[in-house]
Amino acid sequence: MGKPGHSEGSHATKCGIGNVIEPMPCLAVKKLPEGEAWEYELKLDGYRALAVKHDGQVTLFSRNKKRFNNCFPAITAAFARMLGDGEIVAIDESGRRPSFSRLQKL
């Protein structure tokens, strides 16, 4: 996993864009920092994804720079109106929990 920052080279070629901000990697720690300056989010079992919009075109890609546009066209279309980075998850049959195995079958 790369360090946060800007990436060039193969990613820029694949996505047709210049410098790209890398998704922030998770960091395992024994004790969470405390204080009002810290916020946390629930770790979901899915694909980390980053959406980038350049010249009106959206590219949705993984932290490993795999393009997700064809795999998740509805998410790609939604990002045509906004930008962000987050976790793509599939919900299990009960509709209550994330299911990574179900996501891999999409």
PDB file of N, CA and C in Angstrom:
ATOM      1  N   MET A   1       0.848  -1.164   0.000  1.00  0.00           N
ATOM      2  CA  MET A   1       0.000   0.000   0.000  1.00  0.00           C
ATOM      3  C   MET A   1       0.898   1.234   0.000  1.00  0.00           C
ATOM      4  N   GLY A   2       0.594   2.196  -0.874  1.00  0.00           N
ATOM      5  CA  GLY A   2       1.404   3.395  -0.983  1.00  0.00           C
ATOM      6  C   GLY A   2       1.129   4.397   0.121  1.00  0.00           C
ATOM      7  N   LYS A   3       2.012   5.341   0.225  1.00  0.00           N
ATOM      8  CA  LYS A   3       1.837   6.414   1.202  1.00  0.00           C
ATOM      9  C   LYS A   3       0.847   7.430   0.647  1.00  0.00           C
ATOM     10  N   PRO A   4       0.119   8.128   1.524  1.00  0.00           N
ATOM     11  CA  PRO A   4      -0.777   9.171   1.036  1.00  0.00           C
ATOM     12  C   PRO A   4       0.034  10.229   0.297  1.00  0.00           C
ATOM     13  N   GLY A   5      -0.560  10.848  -0.686  1.00  0.00           N
ATOM     14  CA  GLY A   5       0.121  11.894  -1.436  1.00  0.00           C
ATOM     15  C   GLY A   5      -0.276  11.851  -2.890  1.00  0.00           C
ATOM     16  N   HIS A   6       0.589  12.297  -3.734  1.00  0.00           N
ATOM     17  CA  HIS A   6       0.281  12.349  -5.161  1.00  0.00           C
ATOM     18  C   HIS A   6       0.932  11.195  -5.881  1.00  0.00           C
ATOM     19  N   SER A   7       0.255  10.702  -6.909  1.00  0.00           N
ATOM     20  CA  SER A   7       0.739   9.577  -7.686  1.00  0.00           C
ATOM     21  C   SER A   7       0.809   9.988  -9.145  1.00  0.00           C
ATOM     22  N   GLU A   8       1.822   9.533  -9.834  1.00  0.00           N
ATOM     23  CA  GLU A   8       1.936   9.769 -11.265  1.00  0.00           C
ATOM     24  C   GLU A   8       2.236   8.442 -11.927  1.00  0.00           C
ATOM     25  N   GLY A   9       2.479   8.456 -13.219  1.00  0.00           N
ATOM     26  CA  GLY A   9       2.898   7.249 -13.906  1.00  0.00           C
ATOM     27  C   GLY A   9       1.746   6.399 -14.363  1.00  0.00           C
ATOM     28  N   SER A  10       1.769   5.085 -14.046  1.00  0.00           N
ATOM     29  CA  SER A  10       0.798   4.143 -14.588  1.00  0.00           C
ATOM     30  C   SER A  10      -0.634   4.542 -14.288  1.00  0.00           C
ATOM     31  N   HIS A  11      -0.902   5.059 -13.104  1.00  0.00           N
ATOM     32  CA  HIS A  11      -2.274   5.457 -12.771  1.00  0.00           C
ATOM     33  C   HIS A  11      -2.723   6.603 -13.666  1.00  0.00           C
ATOM     34  N   ALA A  12      -1.854   7.585 -13.843  1.00  0.00           N
ATOM     35  CA  ALA A  12      -2.209   8.731 -14.667  1.00  0.00           C
ATOM     36  C   ALA A  12      -2.506   8.274 -16.088  1.00  0.00           C
ATOM     37  N   THR A  13      -1.737   7.316 -16.580  1.00  0.00           N
ATOM     38  CA  THR A  13      -1.961   6.802 -17.923  1.00  0.00           C
ATOM     39  C   THR A  13      -3.279   6.057 -18.010  1.00  0.00           C
ATOM     40  N   LYS A  14      -3.566   5.180 -17.042  1.00  0.00           N
ATOM     41  CA  LYS A  14      -4.793   4.391 -17.062  1.00  0.00           C
ATOM     42  C   LYS A  14      -6.030   5.262 -16.949  1.00  0.00           C
ATOM     43  N   CYS A  15      -5.978   6.278 -16.103  1.00  0.00           N
ATOM     44  CA  CYS A  15      -7.151   7.108 -15.849  1.00  0.00           C
ATOM     45  C   CYS A  15      -7.209   8.326 -16.752  1.00  0.00           C
ATOM     46  N   GLY A  16      -6.138   8.617 -17.479  1.00  0.00           N
ATOM     47  CA  GLY A  16      -6.131   9.757 -18.361  1.00  0.00           C
ATOM     48  C   GLY A  16      -6.095  11.084 -17.628  1.00  0.00           C
ATOM     49  N   ILE A  17      -5.503  11.086 -16.433  1.00  0.00           N
ATOM     50  CA  ILE A  17      -5.425  12.317 -15.645  1.00  0.00           C
ATOM     51  C   ILE A  17      -4.028  12.464 -15.092  1.00  0.00           C
ATOM     52  N   GLY A  18      -3.713  13.627 -14.571  1.00  0.00           N
ATOM     53  CA  GLY A  18      -2.396  13.892 -14.006  1.00  0.00           C
ATOM     54  C   GLY A  18      -2.274  13.383 -12.587  1.00  0.00           C
ATOM     55  N   ASN A  19      -1.764  14.233 -11.711  1.00  0.00           N
ATOM     56  CA  ASN A  19      -1.555  13.848 -10.319  1.00  0.00           C
ATOM     57  C   ASN A  19      -2.877  13.516  -9.638  1.00  0.00           C
ATOM     58  N   VAL A  20      -2.854  12.480  -8.809  1.00  0.00           N
ATOM     59  CA  VAL A  20      -4.051  12.010  -8.126  1.00  0.00           C
ATOM     60  C   VAL A  20      -3.738  11.841  -6.648  1.00  0.00           C
ATOM     61  N   ILE A  21      -4.664  12.242  -5.800  1.00  0.00           N
ATOM     62  CA  ILE A  21      -4.504  12.034  -4.367  1.00  0.00           C
ATOM     63  C   ILE A  21      -4.798  10.566  -4.072  1.00  0.00           C
ATOM     64  N   GLU A  22      -3.899   9.907  -3.374  1.00  0.00           N
ATOM     65  CA  GLU A  22      -4.073   8.499  -3.021  1.00  0.00           C
ATOM     66  C   GLU A  22      -5.093   8.381  -1.886  1.00  0.00           C
ATOM     67  N   PRO A  23      -5.912   7.301  -1.886  1.00  0.00           N
ATOM     68  CA  PRO A  23      -6.786   7.063  -0.732  1.00  0.00           C
ATOM     69  C   PRO A  23      -5.941   6.889   0.530  1.00  0.00           C
ATOM     70  N   MET A  24      -6.426   7.386   1.643  1.00  0.00           N
ATOM     71  CA  MET A  24      -5.687   7.277   2.894  1.00  0.00           C
ATOM     72  C   MET A  24      -5.701   5.837   3.383  1.00  0.00           C
ATOM     73  N   PRO A  25      -4.535   5.249   3.645  1.00  0.00           N
ATOM     74  CA  PRO A  25      -4.501   3.872   4.143  1.00  0.00           C
ATOM     75  C   PRO A  25      -4.901   3.799   5.615  1.00  0.00           C
ATOM     76  N   CYS A  26      -5.361   2.643   6.017  1.00  0.00           N
ATOM     77  CA  CYS A  26      -5.668   2.406   7.430  1.00  0.00           C
ATOM     78  C   CYS A  26      -4.368   2.173   8.183  1.00  0.00           C
ATOM     79  N   LEU A  27      -4.364   2.521   9.435  1.00  0.00           N
ATOM     80  CA  LEU A  27      -3.184   2.320  10.271  1.00  0.00           C
ATOM     81  C   LEU A  27      -3.614   1.591  11.535  1.00  0.00           C
ATOM     82  N   ALA A  28      -3.056   0.425  11.754  1.00  0.00           N
ATOM     83  CA  ALA A  28      -3.382  -0.342  12.964  1.00  0.00           C
ATOM     84  C   ALA A  28      -2.603   0.224  14.146  1.00  0.00           C
ATOM     85  N   VAL A  29      -3.299   0.466  15.241  1.00  0.00           N
ATOM     86  CA  VAL A  29      -2.669   0.960  16.464  1.00  0.00           C
ATOM     87  C   VAL A  29      -3.215   0.176  17.648  1.00  0.00           C
ATOM     88  N   LYS A  30      -2.438   0.124  18.731  1.00  0.00           N
ATOM     89  CA  LYS A  30      -2.891  -0.590  19.927  1.00  0.00           C
ATOM     90  C   LYS A  30      -3.908   0.224  20.719  1.00  0.00           C
ATOM     91  N   LYS A  31      -3.780   1.567  20.671  1.00  0.00           N
ATOM     92  CA  LYS A  31      -4.700   2.428  21.405  1.00  0.00           C
ATOM     93  C   LYS A  31      -5.092   3.601  20.510  1.00  0.00           C
ATOM     94  N   LEU A  32      -6.384   3.894  20.450  1.00  0.00           N
ATOM     95  CA  LEU A  32      -6.866   4.999  19.629  1.00  0.00           C
ATOM     96  C   LEU A  32      -6.524   6.336  20.278  1.00  0.00           C
ATOM     97  N   PRO A  33      -6.150   7.324  19.464  1.00  0.00           N
ATOM     98  CA  PRO A  33      -5.932   8.669  20.016  1.00  0.00           C
ATOM     99  C   PRO A  33      -7.241   9.207  20.589  1.00  0.00           C
ATOM    100  N   GLU A  34      -7.137  10.043  21.590  1.00  0.00           N
ATOM    101  CA  GLU A  34      -8.329  10.607  22.220  1.00  0.00           C
ATOM    102  C   GLU A  34      -8.371  12.109  22.008  1.00  0.00           C
ATOM    103  N   GLY A  35      -9.549  12.683  22.146  1.00  0.00           N
ATOM    104  CA  GLY A  35      -9.713  14.124  22.043  1.00  0.00           C
ATOM    105  C   GLY A  35     -10.703  14.499  20.959  1.00  0.00           C
ATOM    106  N   GLU A  36     -11.157  15.745  21.028  1.00  0.00           N
ATOM    107  CA  GLU A  36     -12.175  16.220  20.094  1.00  0.00           C
ATOM    108  C   GLU A  36     -11.660  16.360  18.664  1.00  0.00           C
ATOM    109  N   ALA A  37     -10.361  16.392  18.466  1.00  0.00           N
ATOM    110  CA  ALA A  37      -9.790  16.545  17.129  1.00  0.00           C
ATOM    111  C   ALA A  37      -9.850  15.251  16.316  1.00  0.00           C
ATOM    112  N   TRP A  38     -10.195  14.136  16.952  1.00  0.00           N
ATOM    113  CA  TRP A  38     -10.199  12.841  16.282  1.00  0.00           C
ATOM    114  C   TRP A  38     -11.616  12.374  15.995  1.00  0.00           C
ATOM    115  N   GLU A  39     -11.804  11.812  14.788  1.00  0.00           N
ATOM    116  CA  GLU A  39     -13.069  11.191  14.408  1.00  0.00           C
ATOM    117  C   GLU A  39     -12.753   9.822  13.829  1.00  0.00           C
ATOM    118  N   TYR A  40     -13.687   8.902  13.970  1.00  0.00           N
ATOM    119  CA  TYR A  40     -13.478   7.545  13.494  1.00  0.00           C
ATOM    120  C   TYR A  40     -14.683   7.100  12.685  1.00  0.00           C
ATOM    121  N   GLU A  41     -14.451   6.154  11.806  1.00  0.00           N
ATOM    122  CA  GLU A  41     -15.555   5.561  11.061  1.00  0.00           C
ATOM    123  C   GLU A  41     -15.490   4.049  11.205  1.00  0.00           C
ATOM    124  N   LEU A  42     -16.627   3.425  11.121  1.00  0.00           N
ATOM    125  CA  LEU A  42     -16.722   1.977  11.206  1.00  0.00           C
ATOM    126  C   LEU A  42     -15.975   1.349  10.036  1.00  0.00           C
ATOM    127  N   LYS A  43     -15.155   0.342  10.287  1.00  0.00           N
ATOM    128  CA  LYS A  43     -14.452  -0.374   9.223  1.00  0.00           C
ATOM    129  C   LYS A  43     -15.431  -1.334   8.573  1.00  0.00           C
ATOM    130  N   LEU A  44     -15.760  -1.048   7.320  1.00  0.00           N
ATOM    131  CA  LEU A  44     -16.641  -1.923   6.559  1.00  0.00           C
ATOM    132  C   LEU A  44     -15.794  -2.850   5.712  1.00  0.00           C
ATOM    133  N   ASP A  45     -16.289  -4.027   5.437  1.00  0.00           N
ATOM    134  CA  ASP A  45     -15.553  -5.016   4.661  1.00  0.00           C
ATOM    135  C   ASP A  45     -15.935  -4.860   3.202  1.00  0.00           C
ATOM    136  N   GLY A  46     -15.224  -4.003   2.489  1.00  0.00           N
ATOM    137  CA  GLY A  46     -15.552  -3.733   1.090  1.00  0.00           C
ATOM    138  C   GLY A  46     -14.323  -3.304   0.320  1.00  0.00           C
ATOM    139  N   TYR A  47     -14.536  -2.590  -0.790  1.00  0.00           N
ATOM    140  CA  TYR A  47     -13.456  -2.073  -1.617  1.00  0.00           C
ATOM    141  C   TYR A  47     -13.266  -0.589  -1.324  1.00  0.00           C
ATOM    142  N   ARG A  48     -12.070  -0.198  -0.960  1.00  0.00           N
ATOM    143  CA  ARG A  48     -11.762   1.221  -0.807  1.00  0.00           C
ATOM    144  C   ARG A  48     -11.782   1.835  -2.196  1.00  0.00           C
ATOM    145  N   ALA A  49     -12.465   2.936  -2.375  1.00  0.00           N
ATOM    146  CA  ALA A  49     -12.587   3.538  -3.697  1.00  0.00           C
ATOM    147  C   ALA A  49     -12.392   5.043  -3.625  1.00  0.00           C
ATOM    148  N   LEU A  50     -11.863   5.590  -4.704  1.00  0.00           N
ATOM    149  CA  LEU A  50     -11.662   7.019  -4.833  1.00  0.00           C
ATOM    150  C   LEU A  50     -12.257   7.446  -6.168  1.00  0.00           C
ATOM    151  N   ALA A  51     -13.041   8.504  -6.155  1.00  0.00           N
ATOM    152  CA  ALA A  51     -13.629   9.042  -7.381  1.00  0.00           C
ATOM    153  C   ALA A  51     -12.900  10.324  -7.746  1.00  0.00           C
ATOM    154  N   VAL A  52     -12.492  10.420  -9.001  1.00  0.00           N
ATOM    155  CA  VAL A  52     -11.808  11.607  -9.495  1.00  0.00           C
ATOM    156  C   VAL A  52     -12.546  12.102 -10.722  1.00  0.00           C
ATOM    157  N   LYS A  53     -12.775  13.405 -10.772  1.00  0.00           N
ATOM    158  CA  LYS A  53     -13.449  14.007 -11.921  1.00  0.00           C
ATOM    159  C   LYS A  53     -12.468  14.945 -12.605  1.00  0.00           C
ATOM    160  N   HIS A  54     -12.257  14.731 -13.911  1.00  0.00           N
ATOM    161  CA  HIS A  54     -11.324  15.537 -14.689  1.00  0.00           C
ATOM    162  C   HIS A  54     -11.919  15.767 -16.066  1.00  0.00           C
ATOM    163  N   ASP A  55     -12.022  17.008 -16.470  1.00  0.00           N
ATOM    164  CA  ASP A  55     -12.618  17.369 -17.766  1.00  0.00           C
ATOM    165  C   ASP A  55     -13.998  16.752 -17.938  1.00  0.00           C
ATOM    166  N   GLY A  56     -14.775  16.714 -16.857  1.00  0.00           N
ATOM    167  CA  GLY A  56     -16.141  16.205 -16.924  1.00  0.00           C
ATOM    168  C   GLY A  56     -16.260  14.690 -16.881  1.00  0.00           C
ATOM    169  N   GLN A  57     -15.150  13.974 -16.855  1.00  0.00           N
ATOM    170  CA  GLN A  57     -15.164  12.511 -16.823  1.00  0.00           C
ATOM    171  C   GLN A  57     -14.818  12.013 -15.428  1.00  0.00           C
ATOM    172  N   VAL A  58     -15.580  11.044 -14.932  1.00  0.00           N
ATOM    173  CA  VAL A  58     -15.350  10.471 -13.612  1.00  0.00           C
ATOM    174  C   VAL A  58     -14.609   9.148 -13.757  1.00  0.00           C
ATOM    175  N   THR A  59     -13.589   8.971 -12.944  1.00  0.00           N
ATOM    176  CA  THR A  59     -12.894   7.693 -12.849  1.00  0.00           C
ATOM    177  C   THR A  59     -13.005   7.232 -11.405  1.00  0.00           C
ATOM    178  N   LEU A  60     -13.530   6.034 -11.231  1.00  0.00           N
ATOM    179  CA  LEU A  60     -13.662   5.410  -9.919  1.00  0.00           C
ATOM    180  C   LEU A  60     -12.618   4.303  -9.869  1.00  0.00           C
ATOM    181  N   PHE A  61     -11.725   4.351  -8.870  1.00  0.00           N
ATOM    182  CA  PHE A  61     -10.673   3.345  -8.828  1.00  0.00           C
ATOM    183  C   PHE A  61     -10.364   2.907  -7.402  1.00  0.00           C
ATOM    184  N   SER A  62      -9.727   1.737  -7.306  1.00  0.00           N
ATOM    185  CA  SER A  62      -9.363   1.152  -6.018  1.00  0.00           C
ATOM    186  C   SER A  62      -8.051   1.723  -5.522  1.00  0.00           C
ATOM    187  N   ARG A  63      -7.704   1.382  -4.294  1.00  0.00           N
ATOM    188  CA  ARG A  63      -6.417   1.828  -3.745  1.00  0.00           C
ATOM    189  C   ARG A  63      -5.252   1.210  -4.509  1.00  0.00           C
ATOM    190  N   ASN A  64      -5.522   0.098  -5.223  1.00  0.00           N
ATOM    191  CA  ASN A  64      -4.507  -0.544  -6.060  1.00  0.00           C
ATOM    192  C   ASN A  64      -4.576  -0.070  -7.501  1.00  0.00           C
ATOM    193  N   LYS A  65      -5.377   0.977  -7.730  1.00  0.00           N
ATOM    194  CA  LYS A  65      -5.523   1.641  -9.021  1.00  0.00           C
ATOM    195  C   LYS A  65      -6.247   0.801 -10.072  1.00  0.00           C
ATOM    196  N   LYS A  66      -7.077  -0.118  -9.627  1.00  0.00           N
ATOM    197  CA  LYS A  66      -7.944  -0.861 -10.548  1.00  0.00           C
ATOM    198  C   LYS A  66      -9.175   0.007 -10.828  1.00  0.00           C
ATOM    199  N   ARG A  67      -9.511   0.172 -12.106  1.00  0.00           N
ATOM    200  CA  ARG A  67     -10.672   0.977 -12.467  1.00  0.00           C
ATOM    201  C   ARG A  67     -11.949   0.235 -12.103  1.00  0.00           C
ATOM    202  N   PHE A  68     -12.878   0.950 -11.473  1.00  0.00           N
ATOM    203  CA  PHE A  68     -14.159   0.387 -11.046  1.00  0.00           C
ATOM    204  C   PHE A  68     -15.334   0.884 -11.892  1.00  0.00           C
ATOM    205  N   ASN A  69     -15.096   1.717 -12.897  1.00  0.00           N
ATOM    206  CA  ASN A  69     -16.196   2.307 -13.662  1.00  0.00           C
ATOM    207  C   ASN A  69     -17.157   1.252 -14.216  1.00  0.00           C
ATOM    208  N   ASN A  70     -16.655   0.211 -14.828  1.00  0.00           N
ATOM    209  CA  ASN A  70     -17.514  -0.821 -15.414  1.00  0.00           C
ATOM    210  C   ASN A  70     -18.156  -1.714 -14.365  1.00  0.00           C
ATOM    211  N   CYS A  71     -17.490  -1.911 -13.240  1.00  0.00           N
ATOM    212  CA  CYS A  71     -18.027  -2.765 -12.174  1.00  0.00           C
ATOM    213  C   CYS A  71     -19.166  -2.085 -11.418  1.00  0.00           C
ATOM    214  N   PHE A  72     -19.072  -0.770 -11.252  1.00  0.00           N
ATOM    215  CA  PHE A  72     -20.041  -0.024 -10.455  1.00  0.00           C
ATOM    216  C   PHE A  72     -20.519   1.223 -11.213  1.00  0.00           C
ATOM    217  N   PRO A  73     -21.241   1.027 -12.329  1.00  0.00           N
ATOM    218  CA  PRO A  73     -21.648   2.180 -13.145  1.00  0.00           C
ATOM    219  C   PRO A  73     -22.574   3.154 -12.414  1.00  0.00           C
ATOM    220  N   ALA A  74     -23.431   2.665 -11.537  1.00  0.00           N
ATOM    221  CA  ALA A  74     -24.348   3.567 -10.822  1.00  0.00           C
ATOM    222  C   ALA A  74     -23.571   4.477  -9.863  1.00  0.00           C
ATOM    223  N   ILE A  75     -22.544   3.934  -9.212  1.00  0.00           N
ATOM    224  CA  ILE A  75     -21.733   4.747  -8.306  1.00  0.00           C
ATOM    225  C   ILE A  75     -20.932   5.766  -9.115  1.00  0.00           C
ATOM    226  N   THR A  76     -20.370   5.320 -10.244  1.00  0.00           N
ATOM    227  CA  THR A  76     -19.623   6.229 -11.113  1.00  0.00           C
ATOM    228  C   THR A  76     -20.518   7.377 -11.576  1.00  0.00           C
ATOM    229  N   ALA A  77     -21.739   7.058 -11.982  1.00  0.00           N
ATOM    230  CA  ALA A  77     -22.678   8.088 -12.441  1.00  0.00           C
ATOM    231  C   ALA A  77     -23.021   9.057 -11.310  1.00  0.00           C
ATOM    232  N   ALA A  78     -23.180   8.555 -10.103  1.00  0.00           N
ATOM    233  CA  ALA A  78     -23.501   9.422  -8.969  1.00  0.00           C
ATOM    234  C   ALA A  78     -22.371  10.422  -8.716  1.00  0.00           C
ATOM    235  N   PHE A  79     -21.131   9.995  -8.911  1.00  0.00           N
ATOM    236  CA  PHE A  79     -20.003  10.885  -8.683  1.00  0.00           C
ATOM    237  C   PHE A  79     -19.828  11.912  -9.796  1.00  0.00           C
ATOM    238  N   ALA A  80     -20.597  11.810 -10.871  1.00  0.00           N
ATOM    239  CA  ALA A  80     -20.558  12.842 -11.905  1.00  0.00           C
ATOM    240  C   ALA A  80     -21.056  14.161 -11.327  1.00  0.00           C
ATOM    241  N   ARG A  81     -21.797  14.084 -10.214  1.00  0.00           N
ATOM    242  CA  ARG A  81     -22.359  15.275  -9.573  1.00  0.00           C
ATOM    243  C   ARG A  81     -21.638  15.647  -8.283  1.00  0.00           C
ATOM    244  N   MET A  82     -20.635  14.846  -7.861  1.00  0.00           N
ATOM    245  CA  MET A  82     -19.918  15.142  -6.618  1.00  0.00           C
ATOM    246  C   MET A  82     -18.581  14.413  -6.632  1.00  0.00           C
ATOM    247  N   LEU A  83     -17.748  14.631  -5.617  1.00  0.00           N
ATOM    248  CA  LEU A  83     -16.466  13.940  -5.465  1.00  0.00           C
ATOM    249  C   LEU A  83     -16.387  13.336  -4.078  1.00  0.00           C
ATOM    250  N   GLY A  84     -15.578  12.279  -3.926  1.00  0.00           N
ATOM    251  CA  GLY A  84     -15.416  11.695  -2.615  1.00  0.00           C
ATOM    252  C   GLY A  84     -14.552  10.461  -2.648  1.00  0.00           C
ATOM    253  N   ASP A  85     -14.361   9.905  -1.480  1.00  0.00           N
ATOM    254  CA  ASP A  85     -13.656   8.644  -1.374  1.00  0.00           C
ATOM    255  C   ASP A  85     -14.274   7.885  -0.216  1.00  0.00           C
ATOM    256  N   GLY A  86     -14.401   6.579  -0.364  1.00  0.00           N
ATOM    257  CA  GLY A  86     -15.060   5.791   0.660  1.00  0.00           C
ATOM    258  C   GLY A  86     -14.976   4.314   0.381  1.00  0.00           C
ATOM    259  N   GLU A  87     -15.810   3.563   1.027  1.00  0.00           N
ATOM    260  CA  GLU A  87     -15.821   2.102   0.932  1.00  0.00           C
ATOM    261  C   GLU A  87     -17.045   1.652   0.140  1.00  0.00           C
ATOM    262  N   ILE A  88     -16.841   0.791  -0.849  1.00  0.00           N
ATOM    263  CA  ILE A  88     -17.946   0.193  -1.598  1.00  0.00           C
ATOM    264  C   ILE A  88     -18.243  -1.144  -0.939  1.00  0.00           C
ATOM    265  N   VAL A  89     -19.475  -1.336  -0.495  1.00  0.00           N
ATOM    266  CA  VAL A  89     -19.838  -2.570   0.194  1.00  0.00           C
ATOM    267  C   VAL A  89     -21.099  -3.166  -0.415  1.00  0.00           C
ATOM    268  N   ALA A  90     -21.258  -4.450  -0.234  1.00  0.00           N
ATOM    269  CA  ALA A  90     -22.505  -5.152  -0.564  1.00  0.00           C
ATOM    270  C   ALA A  90     -23.098  -5.627   0.754  1.00  0.00           C
ATOM    271  N   ILE A  91     -24.395  -5.544   0.862  1.00  0.00           N
ATOM    272  CA  ILE A  91     -25.076  -5.956   2.087  1.00  0.00           C
ATOM    273  C   ILE A  91     -25.525  -7.413   1.939  1.00  0.00           C
ATOM    274  N   ASP A  92     -25.454  -8.165   3.035  1.00  0.00           N
ATOM    275  CA  ASP A  92     -25.843  -9.579   2.999  1.00  0.00           C
ATOM    276  C   ASP A  92     -27.352  -9.725   2.766  1.00  0.00           C
ATOM    277  N   GLU A  93     -27.789 -10.966   2.630  1.00  0.00           N
ATOM    278  CA  GLU A  93     -29.186 -11.265   2.324  1.00  0.00           C
ATOM    279  C   GLU A  93     -30.155 -10.731   3.377  1.00  0.00           C
ATOM    280  N   SER A  94     -29.690 -10.628   4.615  1.00  0.00           N
ATOM    281  CA  SER A  94     -30.557 -10.118   5.684  1.00  0.00           C
ATOM    282  C   SER A  94     -30.735  -8.607   5.599  1.00  0.00           C
ATOM    283  N   GLY A  95     -29.846  -7.939   4.812  1.00  0.00           N
ATOM    284  CA  GLY A  95     -29.912  -6.498   4.699  1.00  0.00           C
ATOM    285  C   GLY A  95     -29.347  -5.765   5.897  1.00  0.00           C
ATOM    286  N   ARG A  96     -28.568  -6.475   6.739  1.00  0.00           N
ATOM    287  CA  ARG A  96     -28.086  -5.863   7.981  1.00  0.00           C
ATOM    288  C   ARG A  96     -26.574  -5.778   8.106  1.00  0.00           C
ATOM    289  N   ARG A  97     -25.833  -6.594   7.346  1.00  0.00           N
ATOM    290  CA  ARG A  97     -24.382  -6.612   7.519  1.00  0.00           C
ATOM    291  C   ARG A  97     -23.670  -6.557   6.167  1.00  0.00           C
ATOM    292  N   PRO A  98     -22.472  -5.949   6.149  1.00  0.00           N
ATOM    293  CA  PRO A  98     -21.680  -5.991   4.918  1.00  0.00           C
ATOM    294  C   PRO A  98     -21.219  -7.414   4.633  1.00  0.00           C
ATOM    295  N   SER A  99     -21.142  -7.762   3.355  1.00  0.00           N
ATOM    296  CA  SER A  99     -20.689  -9.093   2.947  1.00  0.00           C
ATOM    297  C   SER A  99     -19.649  -8.947   1.837  1.00  0.00           C
ATOM    298  N   PHE A 100     -18.370  -9.169   2.194  1.00  0.00           N
ATOM    299  CA  PHE A 100     -17.310  -9.045   1.204  1.00  0.00           C
ATOM    300  C   PHE A 100     -17.438 -10.124   0.135  1.00  0.00           C
ATOM    301  N   SER A 101     -17.839 -11.330   0.511  1.00  0.00           N
ATOM    302  CA  SER A 101     -17.978 -12.394  -0.493  1.00  0.00           C
ATOM    303  C   SER A 101     -19.082 -12.049  -1.499  1.00  0.00           C
ATOM    304  N   ARG A 102     -20.146 -11.414  -1.049  1.00  0.00           N
ATOM    305  CA  ARG A 102     -21.210 -10.993  -1.966  1.00  0.00           C
ATOM    306  C   ARG A 102     -20.696  -9.881  -2.892  1.00  0.00           C
ATOM    307  N   LEU A 103     -19.902  -8.980  -2.362  1.00  0.00           N
ATOM    308  CA  LEU A 103     -19.344  -7.905  -3.170  1.00  0.00           C
ATOM    309  C   LEU A 103     -18.457  -8.462  -4.273  1.00  0.00           C
ATOM    310  N   GLN A 104     -17.674  -9.475  -3.969  1.00  0.00           N
ATOM    311  CA  GLN A 104     -16.770 -10.059  -4.953  1.00  0.00           C
ATOM    312  C   GLN A 104     -17.528 -10.752  -6.091  1.00  0.00           C
ATOM    313  N   LYS A 105     -18.787 -11.107  -5.875  1.00  0.00           N
ATOM    314  CA  LYS A 105     -19.589 -11.781  -6.900  1.00  0.00           C
ATOM    315  C   LYS A 105     -20.305 -10.804  -7.831  1.00  0.00           C
ATOM    316  N   LEU A 106     -20.297  -9.507  -7.490  1.00  0.00           N
ATOM    317  CA  LEU A 106     -20.973  -8.507  -8.323  1.00  0.00           C
ATOM    318  C   LEU A 106     -20.271  -8.325  -9.649  1.00  0.00           C
TER     319      LEU A 106
END
